[in-house]
């Protein structure tokens, strides 16, 4: 099993947990590419993306703070953190820390 398929398997497992008990809470989704980090706020009840942020990986904490700021403008304070199967370290952890510092509660 290669790295990508292991991540996708972890992501399916995470989504099952989120779907089971947190459908009514908005989801903060993180996606990584080689250069950038993408952070989106998703409304699963209406199946739509509310807002998003794209930053360079070195500015991951800034991306988390920026998405928290946008969420506050939309009146959202509590979210579920969806790391999309990525391990919780490095830039994924920095995004979470930045969002928490910005005032979002996970």
C-alpha atoms as a PDB file:
ATOM      1  CA  UNK A   1       0.000   0.000   0.000  1.00  0.00           C
ATOM      2  CA  UNK A   2       1.515   3.324  -1.014  1.00  0.00           C
ATOM      3  CA  UNK A   3       1.525   6.590   0.924  1.00  0.00           C
ATOM      4  CA  UNK A   4      -1.415   8.156  -0.931  1.00  0.00           C
ATOM      5  CA  UNK A   5      -3.739   5.182  -0.479  1.00  0.00           C
ATOM      6  CA  UNK A   6      -2.905   4.997   3.254  1.00  0.00           C
ATOM      7  CA  UNK A   7      -3.834   8.691   3.608  1.00  0.00           C
ATOM      8  CA  UNK A   8      -7.097   8.132   1.712  1.00  0.00           C
ATOM      9  CA  UNK A   9      -7.936   5.189   3.963  1.00  0.00           C
ATOM     10  CA  UNK A  10      -7.333   7.339   7.077  1.00  0.00           C
ATOM     11  CA  UNK A  11      -9.497  10.091   5.550  1.00  0.00           C
ATOM     12  CA  UNK A  12     -12.433   7.706   5.012  1.00  0.00           C
ATOM     13  CA  UNK A  13     -12.170   6.633   8.639  1.00  0.00           C
ATOM     14  CA  UNK A  14     -12.177  10.264   9.807  1.00  0.00           C
ATOM     15  CA  UNK A  15     -15.183  11.138   7.628  1.00  0.00           C
ATOM     16  CA  UNK A  16     -17.173   8.221   9.085  1.00  0.00           C
ATOM     17  CA  UNK A  17     -16.633   9.608  12.584  1.00  0.00           C
ATOM     18  CA  UNK A  18     -17.559  13.134  11.515  1.00  0.00           C
ATOM     19  CA  UNK A  19     -20.684  11.987   9.678  1.00  0.00           C
ATOM     20  CA  UNK A  20     -21.815   9.928  12.667  1.00  0.00           C
ATOM     21  CA  UNK A  21     -22.057  12.717  15.204  1.00  0.00           C
ATOM     22  CA  UNK A  22     -21.061  16.094  13.867  1.00  0.00           C
ATOM     23  CA  UNK A  23     -23.227  16.706  10.759  1.00  0.00           C
ATOM     24  CA  UNK A  24     -24.653  19.920  12.191  1.00  0.00           C
ATOM     25  CA  UNK A  25     -21.231  21.434  12.988  1.00  0.00           C
ATOM     26  CA  UNK A  26     -19.176  23.042  10.220  1.00  0.00           C
ATOM     27  CA  UNK A  27     -16.020  21.251   9.108  1.00  0.00           C
ATOM     28  CA  UNK A  28     -12.552  22.828   8.799  1.00  0.00           C
ATOM     29  CA  UNK A  29     -10.764  20.907   6.020  1.00  0.00           C
ATOM     30  CA  UNK A  30      -7.004  20.994   5.361  1.00  0.00           C
ATOM     31  CA  UNK A  31      -5.389  19.968   2.076  1.00  0.00           C
ATOM     32  CA  UNK A  32      -1.681  20.086   1.225  1.00  0.00           C
ATOM     33  CA  UNK A  33       0.115  20.339  -2.084  1.00  0.00           C
ATOM     34  CA  UNK A  34       3.854  20.523  -2.635  1.00  0.00           C
ATOM     35  CA  UNK A  35       3.916  24.307  -2.239  1.00  0.00           C
ATOM     36  CA  UNK A  36       0.640  25.412  -0.674  1.00  0.00           C
ATOM     37  CA  UNK A  37      -1.774  24.666   2.128  1.00  0.00           C
ATOM     38  CA  UNK A  38      -5.515  24.938   1.442  1.00  0.00           C
ATOM     39  CA  UNK A  39      -7.949  25.468   4.315  1.00  0.00           C
ATOM     40  CA  UNK A  40     -11.709  25.434   3.713  1.00  0.00           C
ATOM     41  CA  UNK A  41     -14.785  25.823   5.871  1.00  0.00           C
ATOM     42  CA  UNK A  42     -17.481  23.366   4.738  1.00  0.00           C
ATOM     43  CA  UNK A  43     -21.192  23.224   5.585  1.00  0.00           C
ATOM     44  CA  UNK A  44     -22.117  19.526   5.327  1.00  0.00           C
ATOM     45  CA  UNK A  45     -25.829  20.112   5.897  1.00  0.00           C
ATOM     46  CA  UNK A  46     -26.082  22.103   2.640  1.00  0.00           C
ATOM     47  CA  UNK A  47     -23.077  20.456   0.928  1.00  0.00           C
ATOM     48  CA  UNK A  48     -21.195  23.644   0.153  1.00  0.00           C
ATOM     49  CA  UNK A  49     -17.916  25.391   0.851  1.00  0.00           C
ATOM     50  CA  UNK A  50     -18.459  28.584   2.831  1.00  0.00           C
ATOM     51  CA  UNK A  51     -14.989  30.107   2.577  1.00  0.00           C
ATOM     52  CA  UNK A  52     -11.382  29.144   2.004  1.00  0.00           C
ATOM     53  CA  UNK A  53      -7.778  30.277   2.327  1.00  0.00           C
ATOM     54  CA  UNK A  54      -4.690  29.420   0.270  1.00  0.00           C
ATOM     55  CA  UNK A  55      -1.213  30.139   1.667  1.00  0.00           C
ATOM     56  CA  UNK A  56       2.343  28.917   1.199  1.00  0.00           C
ATOM     57  CA  UNK A  57       3.232  26.064   3.544  1.00  0.00           C
ATOM     58  CA  UNK A  58       5.581  28.298   5.533  1.00  0.00           C
ATOM     59  CA  UNK A  59       2.567  30.518   6.381  1.00  0.00           C
ATOM     60  CA  UNK A  60       0.394  27.674   7.684  1.00  0.00           C
ATOM     61  CA  UNK A  61      -0.299  29.312  11.035  1.00  0.00           C
ATOM     62  CA  UNK A  62      -1.356  32.495   9.231  1.00  0.00           C
ATOM     63  CA  UNK A  63      -3.762  30.428   7.120  1.00  0.00           C
ATOM     64  CA  UNK A  64      -5.362  29.067  10.301  1.00  0.00           C
ATOM     65  CA  UNK A  65      -5.708  32.544  11.785  1.00  0.00           C
ATOM     66  CA  UNK A  66      -7.183  33.889   8.534  1.00  0.00           C
ATOM     67  CA  UNK A  67      -9.800  31.122   8.283  1.00  0.00           C
ATOM     68  CA  UNK A  68     -10.741  31.758  11.937  1.00  0.00           C
ATOM     69  CA  UNK A  69     -11.219  35.434  11.123  1.00  0.00           C
ATOM     70  CA  UNK A  70     -13.448  34.594   8.143  1.00  0.00           C
ATOM     71  CA  UNK A  71     -15.434  32.102  10.239  1.00  0.00           C
ATOM     72  CA  UNK A  72     -16.056  34.733  12.919  1.00  0.00           C
ATOM     73  CA  UNK A  73     -17.454  37.073  10.242  1.00  0.00           C
ATOM     74  CA  UNK A  74     -19.872  34.290   9.252  1.00  0.00           C
ATOM     75  CA  UNK A  75     -20.856  33.788  12.904  1.00  0.00           C
ATOM     76  CA  UNK A  76     -19.148  30.411  13.288  1.00  0.00           C
ATOM     77  CA  UNK A  77     -17.228  29.706  16.493  1.00  0.00           C
ATOM     78  CA  UNK A  78     -17.210  25.905  16.759  1.00  0.00           C
ATOM     79  CA  UNK A  79     -15.917  23.565  14.035  1.00  0.00           C
ATOM     80  CA  UNK A  80     -14.778  19.982  13.524  1.00  0.00           C
ATOM     81  CA  UNK A  81     -11.165  19.698  12.346  1.00  0.00           C
ATOM     82  CA  UNK A  82     -10.846  17.446   9.291  1.00  0.00           C
ATOM     83  CA  UNK A  83      -7.173  16.805   8.596  1.00  0.00           C
ATOM     84  CA  UNK A  84      -8.063  14.829   5.437  1.00  0.00           C
ATOM     85  CA  UNK A  85      -6.023  11.811   6.461  1.00  0.00           C
ATOM     86  CA  UNK A  86      -2.804  13.759   6.970  1.00  0.00           C
ATOM     87  CA  UNK A  87      -0.921  13.066  10.164  1.00  0.00           C
ATOM     88  CA  UNK A  88      -1.358  15.709  12.863  1.00  0.00           C
ATOM     89  CA  UNK A  89       2.084  17.291  12.799  1.00  0.00           C
ATOM     90  CA  UNK A  90       3.997  19.927  10.866  1.00  0.00           C
ATOM     91  CA  UNK A  91       1.883  22.275   8.763  1.00  0.00           C
ATOM     92  CA  UNK A  92      -1.407  20.562   9.685  1.00  0.00           C
ATOM     93  CA  UNK A  93      -0.706  21.199  13.370  1.00  0.00           C
ATOM     94  CA  UNK A  94       0.296  24.798  12.607  1.00  0.00           C
ATOM     95  CA  UNK A  95      -3.022  25.404  10.836  1.00  0.00           C
ATOM     96  CA  UNK A  96      -4.905  24.019  13.851  1.00  0.00           C
ATOM     97  CA  UNK A  97      -2.863  26.141  16.272  1.00  0.00           C
ATOM     98  CA  UNK A  98      -3.453  29.268  14.177  1.00  0.00           C
ATOM     99  CA  UNK A  99      -7.195  28.615  14.047  1.00  0.00           C
ATOM    100  CA  UNK A 100      -7.332  28.085  17.816  1.00  0.00           C
ATOM    101  CA  UNK A 101      -5.403  31.316  18.400  1.00  0.00           C
ATOM    102  CA  UNK A 102      -7.878  33.034  16.078  1.00  0.00           C
ATOM    103  CA  UNK A 103     -10.737  31.946  18.333  1.00  0.00           C
ATOM    104  CA  UNK A 104     -12.155  28.794  16.749  1.00  0.00           C
ATOM    105  CA  UNK A 105     -13.064  25.905  19.044  1.00  0.00           C
ATOM    106  CA  UNK A 106     -12.584  22.307  17.925  1.00  0.00           C
END
